[in-house]
Amino acid sequence: FYNDSRRIIHARPRLLFVGRLSVQKNIPLLLDALDGFSDRFETLLVGDGELELQLKELARGLGLNNVRFYGRSDGEDLLRLFRQADVFVLPSEREGMPLVLLEAMAMGLPTVATDIPGNRDLVVDGETGMLVGIGEPQEMRRAIVDITSNDAVFRRMSKAAFDRAKEYSWERIGEEFERLYDRLGRRQSKG
């Protein structure tokens, strides 16, 4: 876990997406949300996939000059990208348990994510980030602006995201399993 209480929003806030460039990740939602005001942000899309060329064309067509496609990343390089970001964005149409979302939260990043199962299980709307409708670029735009335009809100969400991610550490999960097994063991011995 990484927690930097000195984390501040950059003059041009840095948005980060990490994942496959595929239909499931619904990246056009993010690009549509940035339409007309992308120059207020630096947006980095990390990953590769079958939609890479189409997404680059869409970004170009919308005139999104501050959207960069980074390609695949992992290890120390990916950690550096998380550290440099201000807000993590996950516009997916569907997710299971999005580990990348936990990684972002463990780095103290407030999140803007679609209001779907998986995302909804991790993001506490208004506390650790904001949940938006799956086909609502205006909602996504407003959420990004709300988080990045108020330093107090940003800091509060950053800390809450970090604290929430700690609930999912292997140590914490292990403790929960131990308690569950103890309860089950006691029930069986009484039966």
C-alpha atoms as a PDB file:
ATOM      1  CA  PHE A   1       0.000   0.000   0.000  1.00  0.00           C
ATOM      2  CA  TYR A   2       1.074   3.503  -0.776  1.00  0.00           C
ATOM      3  CA  ASN A   3      -0.272   6.503   1.063  1.00  0.00           C
ATOM      4  CA  ASP A   4       1.021   9.980   0.521  1.00  0.00           C
ATOM      5  CA  SER A   5      -0.924  12.487   2.586  1.00  0.00           C
ATOM      6  CA  ARG A   6       0.963  15.186   0.691  1.00  0.00           C
ATOM      7  CA  ARG A   7      -0.707  14.089  -2.569  1.00  0.00           C
ATOM      8  CA  ILE A   8      -1.905  17.222  -4.357  1.00  0.00           C
ATOM      9  CA  ILE A   9      -3.808  17.748  -7.562  1.00  0.00           C
ATOM     10  CA  HIS A  10      -1.556  18.819 -10.421  1.00  0.00           C
ATOM     11  CA  ALA A  11      -2.265  22.166 -12.096  1.00  0.00           C
ATOM     12  CA  ARG A  12      -3.567  20.118 -15.019  1.00  0.00           C
ATOM     13  CA  PRO A  13      -5.120  17.111 -13.234  1.00  0.00           C
ATOM     14  CA  ARG A  14      -3.897  13.719 -14.426  1.00  0.00           C
ATOM     15  CA  LEU A  15      -6.525  11.109 -15.255  1.00  0.00           C
ATOM     16  CA  LEU A  16      -5.468   7.469 -15.525  1.00  0.00           C
ATOM     17  CA  PHE A  17      -7.109   4.413 -17.086  1.00  0.00           C
ATOM     18  CA  VAL A  18      -5.390   1.018 -16.902  1.00  0.00           C
ATOM     19  CA  GLY A  19      -6.829  -2.001 -18.688  1.00  0.00           C
ATOM     20  CA  ARG A  20      -7.487  -3.735 -21.971  1.00  0.00           C
ATOM     21  CA  LEU A  21      -8.540  -1.533 -24.839  1.00  0.00           C
ATOM     22  CA  SER A  22     -11.633  -3.664 -25.433  1.00  0.00           C
ATOM     23  CA  VAL A  23     -15.399  -3.261 -25.753  1.00  0.00           C
ATOM     24  CA  GLN A  24     -15.945  -4.317 -22.119  1.00  0.00           C
ATOM     25  CA  LYS A  25     -13.889  -1.373 -20.818  1.00  0.00           C
ATOM     26  CA  ASN A  26     -16.187   1.160 -22.558  1.00  0.00           C
ATOM     27  CA  ILE A  27     -13.413   3.724 -23.165  1.00  0.00           C
ATOM     28  CA  PRO A  28     -15.536   5.775 -25.610  1.00  0.00           C
ATOM     29  CA  LEU A  29     -17.515   6.894 -22.524  1.00  0.00           C
ATOM     30  CA  LEU A  30     -14.383   8.502 -21.095  1.00  0.00           C
ATOM     31  CA  LEU A  31     -13.416  10.035 -24.444  1.00  0.00           C
ATOM     32  CA  ASP A  32     -16.943  11.449 -24.911  1.00  0.00           C
ATOM     33  CA  ALA A  33     -16.809  12.854 -21.364  1.00  0.00           C
ATOM     34  CA  LEU A  34     -13.589  14.691 -22.260  1.00  0.00           C
ATOM     35  CA  ASP A  35     -14.997  16.092 -25.516  1.00  0.00           C
ATOM     36  CA  GLY A  36     -14.679  19.875 -25.484  1.00  0.00           C
ATOM     37  CA  PHE A  37     -12.596  20.165 -22.349  1.00  0.00           C
ATOM     38  CA  SER A  38      -9.823  17.584 -22.522  1.00  0.00           C
ATOM     39  CA  ASP A  39      -7.195  20.354 -22.515  1.00  0.00           C
ATOM     40  CA  ARG A  40      -7.999  20.920 -18.804  1.00  0.00           C
ATOM     41  CA  PHE A  41      -6.557  17.462 -18.066  1.00  0.00           C
ATOM     42  CA  GLU A  42      -3.741  15.114 -18.954  1.00  0.00           C
ATOM     43  CA  THR A  43      -5.311  11.743 -19.675  1.00  0.00           C
ATOM     44  CA  LEU A  44      -3.256   8.579 -19.922  1.00  0.00           C
ATOM     45  CA  LEU A  45      -4.717   5.323 -21.239  1.00  0.00           C
ATOM     46  CA  VAL A  46      -2.478   2.411 -20.244  1.00  0.00           C
ATOM     47  CA  GLY A  47      -3.021  -0.914 -21.976  1.00  0.00           C
ATOM     48  CA  ASP A  48      -3.372  -2.505 -25.347  1.00  0.00           C
ATOM     49  CA  GLY A  49      -6.107  -4.392 -27.138  1.00  0.00           C
ATOM     50  CA  GLU A  50      -8.172  -4.910 -30.236  1.00  0.00           C
ATOM     51  CA  LEU A  51      -9.765  -1.427 -30.136  1.00  0.00           C
ATOM     52  CA  GLU A  52      -6.544   0.562 -29.893  1.00  0.00           C
ATOM     53  CA  LEU A  53      -6.637   1.964 -33.446  1.00  0.00           C
ATOM     54  CA  GLN A  54     -10.363   2.770 -33.281  1.00  0.00           C
ATOM     55  CA  LEU A  55      -9.938   4.546 -29.950  1.00  0.00           C
ATOM     56  CA  LYS A  56      -7.001   6.575 -31.250  1.00  0.00           C
ATOM     57  CA  GLU A  57      -9.131   7.592 -34.257  1.00  0.00           C
ATOM     58  CA  LEU A  58     -12.025   8.543 -31.969  1.00  0.00           C
ATOM     59  CA  ALA A  59      -9.724  10.645 -29.758  1.00  0.00           C
ATOM     60  CA  ARG A  60      -8.270  12.360 -32.841  1.00  0.00           C
ATOM     61  CA  GLY A  61     -11.740  12.950 -34.292  1.00  0.00           C
ATOM     62  CA  LEU A  62     -12.906  14.569 -31.038  1.00  0.00           C
ATOM     63  CA  GLY A  63      -9.775  16.738 -30.952  1.00  0.00           C
ATOM     64  CA  LEU A  64      -8.617  15.290 -27.631  1.00  0.00           C
ATOM     65  CA  ASN A  65      -5.045  16.564 -27.774  1.00  0.00           C
ATOM     66  CA  ASN A  66      -4.212  15.729 -24.149  1.00  0.00           C
ATOM     67  CA  VAL A  67      -5.165  12.050 -24.349  1.00  0.00           C
ATOM     68  CA  ARG A  68      -2.148   9.777 -24.639  1.00  0.00           C
ATOM     69  CA  PHE A  69      -2.097   6.071 -25.360  1.00  0.00           C
ATOM     70  CA  TYR A  70       0.754   4.581 -23.368  1.00  0.00           C
ATOM     71  CA  GLY A  71       0.621   0.909 -24.285  1.00  0.00           C
ATOM     72  CA  ARG A  72       1.104  -1.955 -21.829  1.00  0.00           C
ATOM     73  CA  SER A  73       2.816  -1.401 -18.510  1.00  0.00           C
ATOM     74  CA  ASP A  74       3.541  -3.401 -15.374  1.00  0.00           C
ATOM     75  CA  GLY A  75       5.818  -3.583 -12.350  1.00  0.00           C
ATOM     76  CA  GLU A  76       7.709  -0.477 -11.305  1.00  0.00           C
ATOM     77  CA  ASP A  77       6.677   1.411 -14.447  1.00  0.00           C
ATOM     78  CA  LEU A  78       2.994   0.917 -13.665  1.00  0.00           C
ATOM     79  CA  LEU A  79       3.534   1.926 -10.024  1.00  0.00           C
ATOM     80  CA  ARG A  80       5.154   5.137 -11.249  1.00  0.00           C
ATOM     81  CA  LEU A  81       2.113   5.869 -13.447  1.00  0.00           C
ATOM     82  CA  PHE A  82      -0.249   5.320 -10.476  1.00  0.00           C
ATOM     83  CA  ARG A  83       1.897   7.658  -8.334  1.00  0.00           C
ATOM     84  CA  GLN A  84       1.835  10.386 -10.987  1.00  0.00           C
ATOM     85  CA  ALA A  85      -1.946  10.250 -11.488  1.00  0.00           C
ATOM     86  CA  ASP A  86      -4.589  12.249  -9.651  1.00  0.00           C
ATOM     87  CA  VAL A  87      -7.808  10.371 -10.484  1.00  0.00           C
ATOM     88  CA  PHE A  88      -8.378   6.818 -11.707  1.00  0.00           C
ATOM     89  CA  VAL A  89     -11.163   6.315 -14.264  1.00  0.00           C
ATOM     90  CA  LEU A  90     -12.851   2.966 -14.949  1.00  0.00           C
ATOM     91  CA  PRO A  91     -15.717   3.355 -17.484  1.00  0.00           C
ATOM     92  CA  SER A  92     -16.386  -0.403 -17.876  1.00  0.00           C
ATOM     93  CA  GLU A  93     -19.663  -1.923 -19.050  1.00  0.00           C
ATOM     94  CA  ARG A  94     -19.063  -4.954 -16.813  1.00  0.00           C
ATOM     95  CA  GLU A  95     -16.511  -6.072 -14.233  1.00  0.00           C
ATOM     96  CA  GLY A  96     -16.005  -8.951 -11.844  1.00  0.00           C
ATOM     97  CA  MET A  97     -13.733  -7.893  -8.987  1.00  0.00           C
ATOM     98  CA  PRO A  98     -11.645  -5.180 -10.663  1.00  0.00           C
ATOM     99  CA  LEU A  99      -8.206  -5.618  -9.109  1.00  0.00           C
ATOM    100  CA  VAL A 100      -6.931  -2.562 -10.976  1.00  0.00           C
ATOM    101  CA  LEU A 101      -9.487  -0.512  -9.064  1.00  0.00           C
ATOM    102  CA  LEU A 102      -8.143  -1.859  -5.766  1.00  0.00           C
ATOM    103  CA  GLU A 103      -4.595  -1.072  -6.916  1.00  0.00           C
ATOM    104  CA  ALA A 104      -5.587   2.504  -7.735  1.00  0.00           C
ATOM    105  CA  MET A 105      -7.344   2.930  -4.401  1.00  0.00           C
ATOM    106  CA  ALA A 106      -4.350   1.444  -2.560  1.00  0.00           C
ATOM    107  CA  MET A 107      -2.317   4.230  -4.166  1.00  0.00           C
ATOM    108  CA  GLY A 108      -4.738   6.805  -2.733  1.00  0.00           C
ATOM    109  CA  LEU A 109      -6.433   7.625  -6.033  1.00  0.00           C
ATOM    110  CA  PRO A 110     -10.048   8.799  -5.953  1.00  0.00           C
ATOM    111  CA  THR A 111     -11.974   6.959  -8.652  1.00  0.00           C
ATOM    112  CA  VAL A 112     -14.624   7.798 -11.202  1.00  0.00           C
ATOM    113  CA  ALA A 113     -16.218   4.522 -12.266  1.00  0.00           C
ATOM    114  CA  THR A 114     -19.401   3.291 -13.860  1.00  0.00           C
ATOM    115  CA  ASP A 115     -22.156   2.216 -11.483  1.00  0.00           C
ATOM    116  CA  ILE A 116     -22.026  -1.517 -12.180  1.00  0.00           C
ATOM    117  CA  PRO A 117     -21.484  -4.596 -10.004  1.00  0.00           C
ATOM    118  CA  GLY A 118     -17.790  -4.975  -9.260  1.00  0.00           C
ATOM    119  CA  ASN A 119     -17.123  -1.235  -9.345  1.00  0.00           C
ATOM    120  CA  ARG A 120     -20.049  -0.633  -6.995  1.00  0.00           C
ATOM    121  CA  ASP A 121     -18.635  -3.234  -4.593  1.00  0.00           C
ATOM    122  CA  LEU A 122     -15.424  -1.222  -4.162  1.00  0.00           C
ATOM    123  CA  VAL A 123     -16.216   2.455  -4.789  1.00  0.00           C
ATOM    124  CA  VAL A 124     -18.257   4.155  -2.082  1.00  0.00           C
ATOM    125  CA  ASP A 125     -20.033   6.870  -4.053  1.00  0.00           C
ATOM    126  CA  GLY A 126     -19.193  10.322  -2.747  1.00  0.00           C
ATOM    127  CA  GLU A 127     -16.566   8.946  -0.334  1.00  0.00           C
ATOM    128  CA  THR A 128     -13.823   7.056  -2.194  1.00  0.00           C
ATOM    129  CA  GLY A 129     -14.819   8.378  -5.589  1.00  0.00           C
ATOM    130  CA  MET A 130     -17.910   8.752  -7.709  1.00  0.00           C
ATOM    131  CA  LEU A 131     -20.112   6.290  -9.565  1.00  0.00           C
ATOM    132  CA  VAL A 132     -21.686   7.377 -12.846  1.00  0.00           C
ATOM    133  CA  GLY A 133     -24.220   5.933 -15.273  1.00  0.00           C
ATOM    134  CA  ILE A 134     -22.868   3.527 -17.870  1.00  0.00           C
ATOM    135  CA  GLY A 135     -23.912   5.686 -20.837  1.00  0.00           C
ATOM    136  CA  GLU A 136     -23.621   9.105 -19.218  1.00  0.00           C
ATOM    137  CA  PRO A 137     -20.614  11.110 -20.443  1.00  0.00           C
ATOM    138  CA  GLN A 138     -22.011  14.295 -18.842  1.00  0.00           C
ATOM    139  CA  GLU A 139     -22.163  12.557 -15.444  1.00  0.00           C
ATOM    140  CA  MET A 140     -18.605  11.322 -15.878  1.00  0.00           C
ATOM    141  CA  ARG A 141     -17.453  14.830 -16.818  1.00  0.00           C
ATOM    142  CA  ARG A 142     -19.176  16.349 -13.795  1.00  0.00           C
ATOM    143  CA  ALA A 143     -17.672  13.702 -11.458  1.00  0.00           C
ATOM    144  CA  ILE A 144     -14.156  14.333 -12.787  1.00  0.00           C
ATOM    145  CA  VAL A 145     -14.577  18.084 -12.366  1.00  0.00           C
ATOM    146  CA  ASP A 146     -16.101  17.732  -8.874  1.00  0.00           C
ATOM    147  CA  ILE A 147     -13.133  15.677  -7.643  1.00  0.00           C
ATOM    148  CA  THR A 148     -10.392  17.721  -9.296  1.00  0.00           C
ATOM    149  CA  SER A 149     -11.708  21.228  -8.658  1.00  0.00           C
ATOM    150  CA  ASN A 150     -11.830  21.039  -4.862  1.00  0.00           C
ATOM    151  CA  ASP A 151      -8.641  20.207  -2.983  1.00  0.00           C
ATOM    152  CA  ALA A 152     -10.483  19.311   0.244  1.00  0.00           C
ATOM    153  CA  VAL A 153     -12.779  16.879  -1.588  1.00  0.00           C
ATOM    154  CA  PHE A 154      -9.788  15.392  -3.421  1.00  0.00           C
ATOM    155  CA  ARG A 155      -7.795  14.858  -0.204  1.00  0.00           C
ATOM    156  CA  ARG A 156     -10.774  13.384   1.654  1.00  0.00           C
ATOM    157  CA  MET A 157     -11.508  10.953  -1.192  1.00  0.00           C
ATOM    158  CA  SER A 158      -7.837  10.062  -1.570  1.00  0.00           C
ATOM    159  CA  LYS A 159      -7.594   9.077   2.104  1.00  0.00           C
ATOM    160  CA  ALA A 160     -10.933   7.239   2.019  1.00  0.00           C
ATOM    161  CA  ALA A 161      -9.866   5.292  -1.098  1.00  0.00           C
ATOM    162  CA  PHE A 162      -6.621   4.259   0.572  1.00  0.00           C
ATOM    163  CA  ASP A 163      -8.436   3.214   3.764  1.00  0.00           C
ATOM    164  CA  ARG A 164     -11.052   1.252   1.784  1.00  0.00           C
ATOM    165  CA  ALA A 165      -8.377  -0.639  -0.163  1.00  0.00           C
ATOM    166  CA  LYS A 166      -6.777  -1.740   3.110  1.00  0.00           C
ATOM    167  CA  GLU A 167      -9.989  -3.648   3.864  1.00  0.00           C
ATOM    168  CA  TYR A 168      -9.094  -5.939   0.942  1.00  0.00           C
ATOM    169  CA  SER A 169      -5.495  -6.724   1.919  1.00  0.00           C
ATOM    170  CA  TRP A 170      -4.528 -10.403   2.039  1.00  0.00           C
ATOM    171  CA  GLU A 171      -3.935 -10.074   5.777  1.00  0.00           C
ATOM    172  CA  ARG A 172      -7.423  -8.682   6.332  1.00  0.00           C
ATOM    173  CA  ILE A 173      -9.050 -11.298   4.081  1.00  0.00           C
ATOM    174  CA  GLY A 174      -7.165 -14.043   5.966  1.00  0.00           C
ATOM    175  CA  GLU A 175      -8.464 -12.728   9.284  1.00  0.00           C
ATOM    176  CA  GLU A 176     -12.033 -12.751   7.934  1.00  0.00           C
ATOM    177  CA  PHE A 177     -11.668 -16.366   6.780  1.00  0.00           C
ATOM    178  CA  GLU A 178     -10.303 -17.374  10.197  1.00  0.00           C
ATOM    179  CA  ARG A 179     -13.326 -15.804  11.922  1.00  0.00           C
ATOM    180  CA  LEU A 180     -15.684 -17.517   9.485  1.00  0.00           C
ATOM    181  CA  TYR A 181     -14.058 -20.924   9.994  1.00  0.00           C
ATOM    182  CA  ASP A 182     -14.137 -20.455  13.788  1.00  0.00           C
ATOM    183  CA  ARG A 183     -17.879 -19.667  13.659  1.00  0.00           C
ATOM    184  CA  LEU A 184     -18.565 -22.631  11.378  1.00  0.00           C
ATOM    185  CA  GLY A 185     -16.485 -24.915  13.619  1.00  0.00           C
ATOM    186  CA  ARG A 186     -18.414 -23.821  16.702  1.00  0.00           C
ATOM    187  CA  ARG A 187     -21.745 -24.439  14.955  1.00  0.00           C
ATOM    188  CA  GLN A 188     -20.744 -27.952  13.901  1.00  0.00           C
ATOM    189  CA  SER A 189     -19.496 -28.876  17.381  1.00  0.00           C
ATOM    190  CA  LYS A 190     -22.847 -27.738  18.865  1.00  0.00           C
ATOM    191  CA  GLY A 191     -24.868 -29.671  16.269  1.00  0.00           C
END
